[in-house]
Amino acid sequence: MQRGHHGQTPAAWTASVVVMVAFLIGTLAVVLEIWWLFWVGGVGLLIVGGILGKVMSMMGYGMPQDAHQT
């Protein structure tokens, strides 16, 4: 019997991918010195990724509540 998903849920994967894209955009923006892109594309997308992961988890795409208990 599997006790947990170890983060292998649609909510976790979606949030992880969005956050990785945000870091990629932020890194490129700093290297190219495009500061508005850093704040809008990097930091803004980072916040969106966190919110998106939480919302998807609340919609049932995350780990079930009974899986949190050991």
N, C-alpha and C. Protein backbone atom coordinates (compact mmCIF):
# COMPACT_ATOMS: atom_id res chain seq x y z
N MET A 1 0.84 -1.19 0.00
CA MET A 1 0.00 0.00 0.00
C MET A 1 0.89 1.25 0.00
N GLN A 2 0.62 2.12 -0.91
CA GLN A 2 1.39 3.35 -1.01
C GLN A 2 0.88 4.37 0.00
N ARG A 3 1.78 4.92 0.79
CA ARG A 3 1.38 5.86 1.85
C ARG A 3 1.28 7.30 1.36
N GLY A 4 2.03 7.67 0.38
CA GLY A 4 2.01 9.05 -0.09
C GLY A 4 2.36 9.13 -1.56
N HIS A 5 2.15 10.27 -2.12
CA HIS A 5 2.42 10.49 -3.54
C HIS A 5 3.81 11.04 -3.78
N HIS A 6 4.48 11.46 -2.73
CA HIS A 6 5.81 12.05 -2.83
C HIS A 6 5.84 13.21 -3.82
N GLY A 7 4.77 13.97 -3.88
CA GLY A 7 4.70 15.13 -4.74
C GLY A 7 4.37 14.83 -6.19
N GLN A 8 4.06 13.60 -6.52
CA GLN A 8 3.78 13.24 -7.90
C GLN A 8 2.29 13.42 -8.20
N THR A 9 1.86 14.67 -8.15
CA THR A 9 0.47 15.01 -8.43
C THR A 9 0.44 16.08 -9.51
N PRO A 10 -0.68 16.23 -10.20
CA PRO A 10 -0.77 17.30 -11.21
C PRO A 10 -0.50 18.69 -10.63
N ALA A 11 -0.96 18.94 -9.42
CA ALA A 11 -0.74 20.26 -8.80
C ALA A 11 0.75 20.50 -8.57
N ALA A 12 1.45 19.50 -8.06
CA ALA A 12 2.88 19.65 -7.78
C ALA A 12 3.68 19.81 -9.07
N TRP A 13 3.36 19.01 -10.08
CA TRP A 13 4.08 19.10 -11.35
C TRP A 13 3.84 20.44 -12.04
N THR A 14 2.60 20.90 -12.03
CA THR A 14 2.29 22.18 -12.66
C THR A 14 3.02 23.32 -11.97
N ALA A 15 2.96 23.34 -10.63
CA ALA A 15 3.64 24.40 -9.89
C ALA A 15 5.14 24.35 -10.13
N SER A 16 5.72 23.16 -10.15
CA SER A 16 7.16 23.02 -10.36
C SER A 16 7.59 23.51 -11.74
N VAL A 17 6.83 23.18 -12.75
CA VAL A 17 7.17 23.61 -14.11
C VAL A 17 7.07 25.13 -14.25
N VAL A 18 6.00 25.71 -13.71
CA VAL A 18 5.82 27.16 -13.79
C VAL A 18 6.94 27.87 -13.04
N VAL A 19 7.33 27.38 -11.87
CA VAL A 19 8.40 27.99 -11.09
C VAL A 19 9.74 27.87 -11.82
N MET A 20 10.00 26.72 -12.45
CA MET A 20 11.25 26.57 -13.21
C MET A 20 11.31 27.53 -14.39
N VAL A 21 10.19 27.71 -15.08
CA VAL A 21 10.13 28.67 -16.19
C VAL A 21 10.35 30.09 -15.67
N ALA A 22 9.78 30.38 -14.51
CA ALA A 22 9.96 31.71 -13.91
C ALA A 22 11.43 31.97 -13.60
N PHE A 23 12.12 30.97 -13.05
CA PHE A 23 13.55 31.14 -12.76
C PHE A 23 14.36 31.27 -14.04
N LEU A 24 13.99 30.55 -15.08
CA LEU A 24 14.68 30.67 -16.36
C LEU A 24 14.52 32.08 -16.93
N ILE A 25 13.30 32.58 -16.94
CA ILE A 25 13.05 33.93 -17.44
C ILE A 25 13.78 34.97 -16.59
N GLY A 26 13.71 34.80 -15.27
CA GLY A 26 14.39 35.73 -14.38
C GLY A 26 15.89 35.74 -14.58
N THR A 27 16.47 34.57 -14.77
CA THR A 27 17.92 34.47 -15.00
C THR A 27 18.32 35.14 -16.30
N LEU A 28 17.58 34.86 -17.36
CA LEU A 28 17.88 35.50 -18.65
C LEU A 28 17.71 37.01 -18.58
N ALA A 29 16.69 37.45 -17.85
CA ALA A 29 16.46 38.89 -17.73
C ALA A 29 17.60 39.58 -16.99
N VAL A 30 18.15 38.94 -15.97
CA VAL A 30 19.28 39.53 -15.24
C VAL A 30 20.52 39.56 -16.12
N VAL A 31 20.79 38.48 -16.82
CA VAL A 31 21.97 38.42 -17.69
C VAL A 31 21.88 39.47 -18.79
N LEU A 32 20.68 39.63 -19.35
CA LEU A 32 20.49 40.60 -20.44
C LEU A 32 20.17 42.00 -19.94
N GLU A 33 20.08 42.14 -18.61
CA GLU A 33 19.78 43.42 -17.95
C GLU A 33 18.46 44.02 -18.43
N ILE A 34 17.44 43.19 -18.50
CA ILE A 34 16.08 43.65 -18.83
C ILE A 34 15.28 43.56 -17.53
N TRP A 35 15.32 44.63 -16.78
CA TRP A 35 14.80 44.59 -15.41
C TRP A 35 13.28 44.46 -15.34
N TRP A 36 12.55 45.04 -16.26
CA TRP A 36 11.09 44.89 -16.22
C TRP A 36 10.71 43.43 -16.45
N LEU A 37 11.47 42.72 -17.31
CA LEU A 37 11.19 41.31 -17.57
C LEU A 37 11.51 40.47 -16.33
N PHE A 38 12.54 40.85 -15.59
CA PHE A 38 12.85 40.16 -14.35
C PHE A 38 11.69 40.23 -13.37
N TRP A 39 11.15 41.45 -13.20
CA TRP A 39 10.07 41.63 -12.21
C TRP A 39 8.74 41.07 -12.70
N VAL A 40 8.42 41.28 -13.96
CA VAL A 40 7.13 40.81 -14.47
C VAL A 40 7.19 39.33 -14.82
N GLY A 41 8.16 38.93 -15.62
CA GLY A 41 8.24 37.55 -16.08
C GLY A 41 8.83 36.60 -15.07
N GLY A 42 9.78 37.06 -14.27
CA GLY A 42 10.43 36.19 -13.30
C GLY A 42 9.69 36.14 -11.98
N VAL A 43 9.66 37.26 -11.29
CA VAL A 43 9.02 37.31 -9.97
C VAL A 43 7.52 37.13 -10.07
N GLY A 44 6.90 37.77 -11.05
CA GLY A 44 5.45 37.65 -11.21
C GLY A 44 5.01 36.22 -11.50
N LEU A 45 5.74 35.55 -12.39
CA LEU A 45 5.41 34.17 -12.72
C LEU A 45 5.70 33.23 -11.56
N LEU A 46 6.70 33.55 -10.76
CA LEU A 46 7.00 32.76 -9.56
C LEU A 46 5.81 32.78 -8.59
N ILE A 47 5.24 33.94 -8.39
CA ILE A 47 4.08 34.08 -7.50
C ILE A 47 2.88 33.34 -8.10
N VAL A 48 2.69 33.47 -9.41
CA VAL A 48 1.58 32.77 -10.07
C VAL A 48 1.73 31.26 -9.92
N GLY A 49 2.95 30.74 -10.03
CA GLY A 49 3.18 29.31 -9.88
C GLY A 49 2.80 28.80 -8.51
N GLY A 50 3.15 29.55 -7.47
CA GLY A 50 2.77 29.16 -6.12
C GLY A 50 1.27 29.16 -5.90
N ILE A 51 0.64 30.20 -6.40
CA ILE A 51 -0.82 30.30 -6.27
C ILE A 51 -1.50 29.21 -7.08
N LEU A 52 -1.02 28.96 -8.28
CA LEU A 52 -1.61 27.94 -9.15
C LEU A 52 -1.52 26.54 -8.52
N GLY A 53 -0.38 26.23 -7.92
CA GLY A 53 -0.22 24.95 -7.26
C GLY A 53 -1.18 24.79 -6.09
N LYS A 54 -1.35 25.84 -5.31
CA LYS A 54 -2.27 25.79 -4.16
C LYS A 54 -3.71 25.66 -4.63
N VAL A 55 -4.10 26.41 -5.64
CA VAL A 55 -5.48 26.35 -6.16
C VAL A 55 -5.76 24.97 -6.73
N MET A 56 -4.83 24.42 -7.51
CA MET A 56 -5.04 23.09 -8.06
C MET A 56 -5.14 22.04 -6.96
N SER A 57 -4.35 22.19 -5.91
CA SER A 57 -4.42 21.27 -4.78
C SER A 57 -5.78 21.35 -4.10
N MET A 58 -6.30 22.55 -3.95
CA MET A 58 -7.61 22.73 -3.33
C MET A 58 -8.73 22.20 -4.22
N MET A 59 -8.50 22.14 -5.54
CA MET A 59 -9.49 21.62 -6.47
C MET A 59 -9.47 20.09 -6.54
N GLY A 60 -8.55 19.48 -5.83
CA GLY A 60 -8.50 18.02 -5.79
C GLY A 60 -7.41 17.40 -6.65
N TYR A 61 -6.54 18.21 -7.21
CA TYR A 61 -5.46 17.68 -8.04
C TYR A 61 -4.17 17.48 -7.27
N GLY A 62 -4.22 17.67 -5.96
CA GLY A 62 -3.05 17.47 -5.11
C GLY A 62 -3.14 16.19 -4.34
N MET A 63 -2.33 16.08 -3.30
CA MET A 63 -2.31 14.90 -2.48
C MET A 63 -3.58 14.84 -1.62
N PRO A 64 -4.24 13.69 -1.53
CA PRO A 64 -5.42 13.58 -0.68
C PRO A 64 -5.10 13.86 0.78
N GLN A 65 -6.06 14.39 1.52
CA GLN A 65 -5.82 14.74 2.91
C GLN A 65 -5.43 13.54 3.77
N ASP A 66 -6.00 12.37 3.50
CA ASP A 66 -5.66 11.20 4.32
C ASP A 66 -4.25 10.69 4.03
N ALA A 67 -3.63 11.09 2.94
CA ALA A 67 -2.27 10.67 2.63
C ALA A 67 -1.24 11.44 3.45
N HIS A 68 -1.64 12.57 4.06
CA HIS A 68 -0.72 13.35 4.88
C HIS A 68 -0.43 12.65 6.20
N GLN A 69 -1.31 11.81 6.66
CA GLN A 69 -1.11 11.13 7.92
C GLN A 69 -0.22 9.91 7.73
N THR A 70 0.66 9.66 8.69
CA THR A 70 1.55 8.50 8.59
C THR A 70 1.15 7.45 9.58
